[in-house]
Amino acid sequence: MNAQTHYLAGLSNYILHTKRKNIMVAIEHFTQAVALGHADAHYFLGRFYGLGDGISIDFHQAMDHYHRGLALGSAKCGYALGLMYHSGMGVDKDDDVANDYFQTHYQMLLAEAEKQDVVSMHILGTYYYYGFHVQRYIFQAMSWFIKAADLGYSDSQYMLGMIYETIGHEENEQEKSNHYYKLAAEQDHPYALYALGINALEEERFRDAVFHLEKAANQQYGLAAYTLAMYYHEKEPKYPTKAFEWFMVAAKQQHTEAEYYVGLYYQNGKGVPQNLDQAVYWYEKAAIKNNKNALYHLAMILIKQEQKDYVMIAKLLERAAKLDHPNAQYNLAVMHQKGDGVEKDMQKALFWYEKAAEANLAIAQYNLGMLYYEGAVVPKDEKKAKELWQKAASQGLEAAIKLMYSINNYEKLQKSSWQS
């Protein structure tokens, strides 16, 4: 097989008239094409590394392939380098450098597209869809996507599905959206499969949703794996192992919420044997990216340890509190009220109690009511205290229920004594 034959075989196993998608076979063919000097094969090998498609994400390798392909004359690789600088993926974001790449390679891509190069047709569509170098013009983008889609390019089929879904106020536009999504899904396009899965979820066609989402998730598409995990987590709680397994797939793709849920499942021993070390490991991954739930749960694990690191606990709670986590706000208020590991500061305690109470956290409403009743930190206001206790009681907080019962009985007794 020569370089072009390997290149076309790579396309047919991955993105063009793909009857049975096999990324590993596609990678092998593109690798052989590169070895034989095919410039555009570098574009797809770089794409695999850049997207983590079939192999681990490695932006250095992606950029290396793009530069090697560009040196051999691949305008597609020049476009890909523009995308990296435009998005800031793997390099520092630099729109000037990105625009230089987009402008420099536009004419060559246009010439290739006019000669029926289906990949360049799709790329021209993205130029007009996103406004790379040219004026953003959705209908010109669609024109190129339709040409590529008609030739069997699944990326273009997916883009048309997305465009028609976005503008789809008319029934025929929704039908066109589904048509193009299905064409791309028949080639195992993960984003199209995900879109069909979401549509099925919204229509409560759960069997179809699971089918499409699994096909996308099995291609290591993190968002599809996370959505599938949430389906089992919320709709099928009797299958915690399935939820955990899909959360783990998404977490390994660095999906932040999935990292948090993996930690939660390890902490609770749900769907997997309990393992606090693993819980901390995954919480920390999500906490680094400012996931407020992970920050809070990590603090709660640390606060239960025999040797408490109050400085770290306070830092974690404060970060979560500033991200509007009510329980973190409440616990931070308690720490400042008692002076546990932090400076005793009733003004800070009041501030965080109020934040948590505004978020309708019953225990915070109860404690804030006590502060208003005592009148030490704020002006005494028994009416305000009673309103807060009533809110907490209406949510089923036992201490508030008992307190309101006592208050109501006392008021009845007072009224009865006065009338007599």
Protein backbone atom coordinates (compact mmCIF):
# COMPACT_ATOMS: atom_id res chain seq x y z
CA MET A 1 0.00 0.00 0.00
CA ASN A 2 1.26 3.48 -0.82
CA ALA A 3 0.94 6.57 1.38
CA GLN A 4 -2.37 7.75 -0.15
CA THR A 5 -3.93 4.30 0.16
CA HIS A 6 -2.99 4.16 3.86
CA TYR A 7 -4.37 7.69 4.32
CA LEU A 8 -7.72 6.80 2.74
CA ALA A 9 -7.88 3.60 4.80
CA GLY A 10 -7.32 5.71 7.91
CA LEU A 11 -10.21 7.97 6.93
CA SER A 12 -12.55 5.04 6.24
CA ASN A 13 -11.87 3.57 9.67
CA TYR A 14 -12.42 6.87 11.43
CA ILE A 15 -14.46 9.61 9.82
CA LEU A 16 -15.34 9.06 6.14
CA HIS A 17 -17.92 6.47 5.01
CA THR A 18 -17.02 4.55 8.16
CA LYS A 19 -19.03 1.35 8.33
CA ARG A 20 -17.35 0.11 11.49
CA LYS A 21 -15.25 2.62 13.38
CA ASN A 22 -11.89 1.35 14.58
CA ILE A 23 -9.65 4.11 15.85
CA MET A 24 -6.69 1.81 16.48
CA VAL A 25 -6.75 0.59 12.87
CA ALA A 26 -7.11 4.19 11.71
CA ILE A 27 -4.10 5.23 13.79
CA GLU A 28 -2.06 2.39 12.29
CA HIS A 29 -2.92 3.43 8.73
CA PHE A 30 -2.20 7.12 9.38
CA THR A 31 1.10 6.13 11.01
CA GLN A 32 2.04 4.11 7.92
CA ALA A 33 1.03 7.03 5.71
CA VAL A 34 3.26 9.38 7.75
CA ALA A 35 6.17 6.95 7.45
CA LEU A 36 5.71 7.09 3.70
CA GLY A 37 5.74 10.89 3.69
CA HIS A 38 2.04 11.78 3.61
CA ALA A 39 1.72 15.34 4.95
CA ASP A 40 -2.02 15.38 5.78
CA ALA A 41 -1.79 12.14 7.78
CA HIS A 42 0.06 14.20 10.39
CA TYR A 43 -3.13 16.26 10.79
CA PHE A 44 -5.09 13.24 11.96
CA LEU A 45 -2.35 11.85 14.19
CA GLY A 46 -2.09 15.29 15.79
CA ARG A 47 -5.86 15.32 16.19
CA PHE A 48 -5.82 11.96 17.98
CA TYR A 49 -3.28 13.29 20.49
CA GLY A 50 -5.05 16.64 20.84
CA LEU A 51 -8.48 15.13 21.52
CA GLY A 52 -7.33 12.01 23.34
CA ASP A 53 -9.08 9.99 20.67
CA GLY A 54 -7.96 6.39 21.08
CA ILE A 55 -4.80 7.49 22.90
CA SER A 56 -3.94 9.66 25.89
CA ILE A 57 -4.09 13.43 25.42
CA ASP A 58 -0.62 14.74 24.66
CA PHE A 59 -0.52 18.30 23.33
CA HIS A 60 3.23 18.15 22.80
CA GLN A 61 2.82 15.18 20.44
CA ALA A 62 -0.13 16.88 18.75
CA MET A 63 1.88 20.02 18.07
CA ASP A 64 4.86 17.99 16.91
CA HIS A 65 2.73 16.24 14.28
CA TYR A 66 1.18 19.52 13.16
CA HIS A 67 4.59 21.13 12.72
CA ARG A 68 5.93 18.10 10.85
CA GLY A 69 2.90 18.05 8.57
CA LEU A 70 3.17 21.79 8.00
CA ALA A 71 6.82 21.40 7.03
CA LEU A 72 5.69 18.92 4.37
CA GLY A 73 3.13 21.40 3.04
CA SER A 74 -0.07 20.43 4.87
CA ALA A 75 -2.43 23.40 5.11
CA LYS A 76 -4.64 21.27 7.35
CA CYS A 77 -1.84 21.16 9.91
CA GLY A 78 -1.45 24.93 9.65
CA TYR A 79 -5.17 25.26 10.40
CA ALA A 80 -4.80 22.88 13.37
CA LEU A 81 -1.99 25.00 14.81
CA GLY A 82 -4.26 28.02 14.47
CA LEU A 83 -6.91 26.16 16.45
CA MET A 84 -4.44 25.39 19.24
CA TYR A 85 -3.44 29.03 19.61
CA HIS A 86 -7.06 30.16 19.28
CA SER A 87 -8.27 27.84 22.05
CA GLY A 88 -5.16 27.92 24.24
CA MET A 89 -5.11 24.12 24.30
CA GLY A 90 -1.54 22.99 24.89
CA VAL A 91 -0.12 26.46 24.24
CA ASP A 92 -0.63 29.97 25.57
CA LYS A 93 -3.70 31.47 23.91
CA ASP A 94 -2.61 33.95 21.26
CA ASP A 95 -5.25 35.19 18.80
CA ASP A 96 -2.69 37.05 16.69
CA VAL A 97 -0.67 33.89 16.07
CA ALA A 98 -3.89 31.94 15.48
CA ASN A 99 -5.11 34.45 12.92
CA ASP A 100 -1.77 34.32 11.11
CA TYR A 101 -2.12 30.55 10.73
CA PHE A 102 -5.76 30.83 9.62
CA GLN A 103 -4.99 33.55 7.07
CA THR A 104 -1.84 31.93 5.69
CA HIS A 105 -3.52 28.63 4.89
CA TYR A 106 -6.98 29.74 3.80
CA GLN A 107 -6.29 29.93 0.06
CA MET A 108 -4.60 26.54 -0.07
CA LEU A 109 -7.49 24.95 1.87
CA LEU A 110 -9.97 26.63 -0.48
CA ALA A 111 -8.12 25.25 -3.52
CA GLU A 112 -8.13 21.75 -2.00
CA ALA A 113 -11.83 22.01 -1.15
CA GLU A 114 -12.68 23.07 -4.68
CA LYS A 115 -10.86 19.93 -5.86
CA GLN A 116 -13.21 17.81 -3.69
CA ASP A 117 -10.86 17.28 -0.73
CA VAL A 118 -13.55 16.42 1.80
CA VAL A 119 -11.44 17.25 4.86
CA SER A 120 -10.63 20.71 3.53
CA MET A 121 -14.32 21.21 2.70
CA HIS A 122 -15.17 20.63 6.32
CA ILE A 123 -12.38 22.93 7.49
CA LEU A 124 -13.68 25.69 5.20
CA GLY A 125 -17.05 25.21 6.88
CA THR A 126 -15.46 25.85 10.26
CA TYR A 127 -13.79 29.00 8.91
CA TYR A 128 -17.20 30.49 8.14
CA TYR A 129 -18.97 28.99 11.15
CA TYR A 130 -16.52 30.42 13.69
CA GLY A 131 -15.30 33.43 11.69
CA PHE A 132 -11.67 32.32 11.35
CA HIS A 133 -10.00 34.95 9.12
CA VAL A 134 -13.29 35.43 7.19
CA GLN A 135 -16.54 37.12 8.15
CA ARG A 136 -18.70 34.69 10.11
CA TYR A 137 -21.46 33.58 7.74
CA ILE A 138 -23.57 30.63 8.84
CA PHE A 139 -25.08 29.91 5.42
CA GLN A 140 -21.67 29.77 3.74
CA ALA A 141 -20.53 27.43 6.52
CA MET A 142 -23.57 25.23 5.94
CA SER A 143 -22.85 25.16 2.21
CA TRP A 144 -19.40 23.66 2.82
CA PHE A 145 -20.67 21.31 5.54
CA ILE A 146 -23.41 20.02 3.23
CA LYS A 147 -20.89 19.31 0.46
CA ALA A 148 -18.66 17.39 2.88
CA ALA A 149 -21.61 15.64 4.55
CA ASP A 150 -22.92 14.47 1.17
CA LEU A 151 -19.50 12.92 0.57
CA GLY A 152 -19.81 11.04 3.88
CA TYR A 153 -17.71 13.14 6.27
CA SER A 154 -19.14 12.55 9.74
CA ASP A 155 -17.77 15.74 11.35
CA SER A 156 -19.77 17.79 8.84
CA GLN A 157 -22.85 15.67 9.36
CA TYR A 158 -22.61 16.32 13.08
CA MET A 159 -22.11 20.07 12.60
CA LEU A 160 -25.21 20.25 10.39
CA GLY A 161 -27.19 18.35 13.01
CA MET A 162 -26.07 20.86 15.63
CA ILE A 163 -26.80 23.88 13.43
CA TYR A 164 -30.29 22.71 12.51
CA GLU A 165 -30.99 21.89 16.16
CA THR A 166 -29.87 25.38 17.18
CA ILE A 167 -32.01 27.19 14.62
CA GLY A 168 -34.71 24.51 14.61
CA HIS A 169 -37.93 26.39 15.25
CA GLU A 170 -39.65 24.69 12.34
CA GLU A 171 -40.52 20.99 12.34
CA ASN A 172 -38.59 20.33 9.14
CA GLU A 173 -35.45 21.82 10.72
CA GLN A 174 -35.73 19.41 13.66
CA GLU A 175 -36.14 16.59 11.15
CA LYS A 176 -33.00 17.75 9.32
CA SER A 177 -31.14 17.90 12.63
CA ASN A 178 -32.09 14.33 13.48
CA HIS A 179 -31.28 13.23 9.93
CA TYR A 180 -27.72 14.54 10.07
CA TYR A 181 -27.17 13.37 13.64
CA LYS A 182 -28.24 9.88 12.60
CA LEU A 183 -25.94 9.91 9.57
CA ALA A 184 -23.00 10.83 11.78
CA ALA A 185 -24.08 8.36 14.49
CA GLU A 186 -24.10 5.55 11.92
CA GLN A 187 -20.37 6.24 11.62
CA ASP A 188 -20.07 6.17 15.44
CA HIS A 189 -19.43 9.90 15.71
CA PRO A 190 -19.32 10.39 19.51
CA TYR A 191 -20.81 13.90 19.59
CA ALA A 192 -23.71 12.89 17.35
CA LEU A 193 -24.33 9.81 19.48
CA TYR A 194 -24.33 12.03 22.55
CA ALA A 195 -26.79 14.46 20.96
CA LEU A 196 -29.16 11.62 20.09
CA GLY A 197 -28.78 10.28 23.63
CA ILE A 198 -29.68 13.66 25.15
CA ASN A 199 -32.71 14.00 22.88
CA ALA A 200 -33.84 10.53 23.95
CA LEU A 201 -33.39 11.41 27.63
CA GLU A 202 -35.49 14.54 27.22
CA GLU A 203 -38.22 12.49 25.56
CA GLU A 204 -37.90 9.80 28.29
CA ARG A 205 -36.89 7.14 25.75
CA PHE A 206 -34.42 5.76 28.25
CA ARG A 207 -33.46 2.59 26.39
CA ASP A 208 -32.50 4.59 23.30
CA ALA A 209 -30.68 7.13 25.48
CA VAL A 210 -28.56 4.45 27.15
CA PHE A 211 -27.80 2.84 23.79
CA HIS A 212 -26.49 6.05 22.23
CA LEU A 213 -24.71 7.31 25.31
CA GLU A 214 -22.93 3.99 25.83
CA LYS A 215 -21.65 4.02 22.24
CA ALA A 216 -20.29 7.52 22.76
CA ALA A 217 -18.90 6.80 26.22
CA ASN A 218 -17.14 3.68 24.98
CA GLN A 219 -15.10 6.02 22.79
CA GLN A 220 -13.84 7.68 25.99
CA TYR A 221 -16.09 10.71 25.46
CA GLY A 222 -16.13 12.08 28.99
CA LEU A 223 -19.36 14.09 28.77
CA ALA A 224 -21.29 11.09 27.47
CA ALA A 225 -19.86 8.89 30.22
CA TYR A 226 -20.78 11.48 32.87
CA THR A 227 -24.32 11.84 31.51
CA LEU A 228 -24.74 8.08 31.49
CA ALA A 229 -23.44 7.88 35.06
CA MET A 230 -25.88 10.58 36.18
CA TYR A 231 -28.70 8.62 34.53
CA TYR A 232 -27.89 5.59 36.68
CA HIS A 233 -27.24 7.80 39.72
CA GLU A 234 -30.60 9.54 39.51
CA LYS A 235 -32.92 7.27 37.52
CA GLU A 236 -31.57 3.78 38.31
CA PRO A 237 -30.10 3.99 41.85
CA LYS A 238 -30.38 0.20 42.19
CA TYR A 239 -27.37 -0.04 39.85
CA PRO A 240 -24.69 1.93 41.77
CA THR A 241 -21.87 -0.11 40.22
CA LYS A 242 -22.85 1.04 36.72
CA ALA A 243 -23.01 4.64 37.88
CA PHE A 244 -19.59 4.37 39.49
CA GLU A 245 -18.02 2.71 36.44
CA TRP A 246 -19.22 5.45 34.09
CA PHE A 247 -18.24 8.19 36.54
CA MET A 248 -14.78 6.66 36.53
CA VAL A 249 -14.62 6.66 32.72
CA ALA A 250 -15.51 10.36 32.71
CA ALA A 251 -13.14 11.14 35.59
CA LYS A 252 -10.25 9.58 33.70
CA GLN A 253 -11.08 12.04 30.92
CA GLN A 254 -10.63 14.82 33.54
CA HIS A 255 -14.34 15.61 33.82
CA THR A 256 -14.46 17.64 37.05
CA GLU A 257 -17.93 16.71 38.28
CA ALA A 258 -17.20 13.06 37.57
CA GLU A 259 -14.03 13.29 39.67
CA TYR A 260 -16.16 14.58 42.54
CA TYR A 261 -18.68 11.76 42.19
CA VAL A 262 -15.96 9.11 42.07
CA GLY A 263 -14.71 10.53 45.36
CA LEU A 264 -18.25 10.51 46.77
CA TYR A 265 -18.83 6.88 45.79
CA TYR A 266 -15.51 5.85 47.33
CA GLN A 267 -16.31 7.79 50.51
CA ASN A 268 -19.74 6.18 50.89
CA GLY A 269 -18.77 2.74 49.64
CA LYS A 270 -21.44 3.00 46.96
CA GLY A 271 -20.93 0.82 43.91
CA VAL A 272 -17.38 0.18 45.07
CA PRO A 273 -15.76 -0.83 48.38
CA GLN A 274 -15.31 2.13 50.70
CA ASN A 275 -11.85 3.64 50.41
CA LEU A 276 -11.20 7.03 52.02
CA ASP A 277 -7.73 7.32 50.52
CA GLN A 278 -9.23 7.00 47.04
CA ALA A 279 -12.02 9.40 48.01
CA VAL A 280 -9.45 12.01 49.03
CA TYR A 281 -7.46 11.38 45.84
CA TRP A 282 -10.42 12.08 43.57
CA TYR A 283 -11.79 14.92 45.69
CA GLU A 284 -8.40 16.62 45.47
CA LYS A 285 -8.44 16.35 41.67
CA ALA A 286 -11.80 18.11 41.54
CA ALA A 287 -10.94 20.55 44.35
CA ILE A 288 -7.88 21.80 42.47
CA LYS A 289 -10.33 22.87 39.75
CA ASN A 290 -12.52 24.63 42.34
CA ASN A 291 -15.36 22.13 42.49
CA LYS A 292 -17.27 23.35 45.53
CA ASN A 293 -18.70 19.94 46.45
CA ALA A 294 -15.27 18.34 46.39
CA LEU A 295 -13.84 21.15 48.50
CA TYR A 296 -16.58 20.71 51.09
CA HIS A 297 -16.40 16.91 51.27
CA LEU A 298 -12.62 17.00 51.47
CA ALA A 299 -12.93 19.35 54.46
CA MET A 300 -15.48 17.02 56.09
CA ILE A 301 -13.12 14.07 55.76
CA LEU A 302 -10.27 16.06 57.29
CA ILE A 303 -12.41 17.32 60.18
CA LYS A 304 -13.14 13.75 61.25
CA GLN A 305 -9.49 12.82 61.51
CA GLU A 306 -7.93 12.47 64.95
CA GLN A 307 -5.17 14.97 64.14
CA LYS A 308 -7.13 17.85 62.66
CA ASP A 309 -5.49 20.36 60.34
CA TYR A 310 -7.83 23.24 61.10
CA VAL A 311 -5.92 25.66 58.89
CA MET A 312 -6.45 23.45 55.84
CA ILE A 313 -10.06 22.70 56.83
CA ALA A 314 -10.84 26.41 57.12
CA LYS A 315 -9.20 27.12 53.75
CA LEU A 316 -11.20 24.40 52.03
CA LEU A 317 -14.46 25.52 53.63
CA GLU A 318 -13.82 29.15 52.77
CA ARG A 319 -13.16 28.33 49.13
CA ALA A 320 -16.36 26.27 48.97
CA ALA A 321 -18.29 28.94 50.90
CA LYS A 322 -17.23 31.62 48.44
CA LEU A 323 -18.59 29.37 45.68
CA ASP A 324 -21.98 29.44 47.47
CA HIS A 325 -21.90 25.98 49.06
CA PRO A 326 -24.47 26.37 51.93
CA ASN A 327 -23.09 23.58 54.12
CA ALA A 328 -19.58 24.97 53.79
CA GLN A 329 -20.90 28.41 54.74
CA TYR A 330 -22.63 26.94 57.80
CA ASN A 331 -19.59 24.97 58.97
CA LEU A 332 -17.32 27.95 58.46
CA ALA A 333 -19.73 30.05 60.54
CA VAL A 334 -19.60 27.46 63.34
CA MET A 335 -15.79 27.46 63.29
CA HIS A 336 -15.70 31.26 63.61
CA GLN A 337 -18.39 31.24 66.31
CA LYS A 338 -16.53 28.70 68.45
CA GLY A 339 -12.99 29.65 67.48
CA ASP A 340 -12.25 26.08 66.43
CA GLY A 341 -8.89 26.25 64.66
CA VAL A 342 -9.57 29.81 63.50
CA GLU A 343 -9.80 33.16 65.21
CA LYS A 344 -13.10 33.57 67.01
CA ASP A 345 -14.96 36.18 65.00
CA MET A 346 -18.70 36.62 65.53
CA GLN A 347 -19.03 39.06 62.64
CA LYS A 348 -17.66 36.42 60.24
CA ALA A 349 -19.89 33.83 61.89
CA LEU A 350 -22.90 36.09 61.35
CA PHE A 351 -21.91 36.74 57.72
CA TRP A 352 -21.68 33.05 56.83
CA TYR A 353 -24.79 32.08 58.81
CA GLU A 354 -26.72 34.69 56.83
CA LYS A 355 -25.37 33.37 53.53
CA ALA A 356 -26.32 29.78 54.39
CA ALA A 357 -29.71 30.84 55.73
CA GLU A 358 -30.43 32.75 52.51
CA ALA A 359 -29.70 29.48 50.68
CA ASN A 360 -32.46 27.93 52.82
CA LEU A 361 -30.22 25.70 54.94
CA ALA A 362 -32.36 24.85 57.97
CA ILE A 363 -29.60 24.48 60.57
CA ALA A 364 -28.15 27.85 59.55
CA GLN A 365 -31.58 29.47 59.89
CA TYR A 366 -31.90 27.93 63.37
CA ASN A 367 -28.49 29.18 64.56
CA LEU A 368 -29.01 32.60 62.99
CA GLY A 369 -32.33 32.81 64.81
CA MET A 370 -30.47 32.21 68.06
CA LEU A 371 -28.14 35.13 67.32
CA TYR A 372 -31.11 37.43 66.75
CA TYR A 373 -32.82 36.14 69.89
CA GLU A 374 -29.72 36.64 72.05
CA GLY A 375 -28.97 40.07 70.56
CA ALA A 376 -25.25 39.89 71.30
CA VAL A 377 -23.98 40.18 67.71
CA VAL A 378 -26.97 41.87 66.10
CA PRO A 379 -29.72 43.99 67.67
CA LYS A 380 -32.12 41.72 69.53
CA ASP A 381 -35.09 40.88 67.31
CA GLU A 382 -37.40 38.15 68.64
CA LYS A 383 -39.74 38.48 65.65
CA LYS A 384 -36.86 37.89 63.22
CA ALA A 385 -35.65 34.97 65.34
CA LYS A 386 -39.10 33.38 65.29
CA GLU A 387 -39.36 33.79 61.50
CA LEU A 388 -36.01 32.02 61.04
CA TRP A 389 -36.94 29.20 63.43
CA GLN A 390 -40.25 28.74 61.61
CA LYS A 391 -38.44 28.42 58.27
CA ALA A 392 -36.14 25.80 59.78
CA ALA A 393 -39.07 23.95 61.34
CA SER A 394 -40.97 23.90 58.05
CA GLN A 395 -38.02 22.00 56.57
CA GLY A 396 -38.26 19.35 59.28
CA LEU A 397 -35.34 20.37 61.51
CA GLU A 398 -36.22 18.63 64.78
CA ALA A 399 -34.66 21.22 67.12
CA ALA A 400 -36.61 23.99 65.39
CA ILE A 401 -39.84 21.98 65.44
CA LYS A 402 -39.53 21.43 69.19
CA LEU A 403 -38.68 25.07 69.79
CA MET A 404 -41.62 26.35 67.75
CA TYR A 405 -43.92 23.89 69.51
CA SER A 406 -42.80 25.27 72.87
CA ILE A 407 -43.17 28.88 71.71
CA ASN A 408 -46.63 28.30 70.27
CA ASN A 409 -47.81 26.48 73.40
CA TYR A 410 -46.44 29.26 75.60
CA GLU A 411 -48.20 31.92 73.52
CA LYS A 412 -51.47 29.98 73.69
CA LEU A 413 -51.09 29.63 77.44
CA GLN A 414 -50.40 33.36 77.82
CA LYS A 415 -53.41 34.21 75.71
CA SER A 416 -55.62 31.82 77.69
CA SER A 417 -54.42 33.22 81.05
CA TRP A 418 -55.06 36.80 79.91
CA GLN A 419 -58.57 35.98 78.67
CA SER A 420 -59.45 34.28 81.96
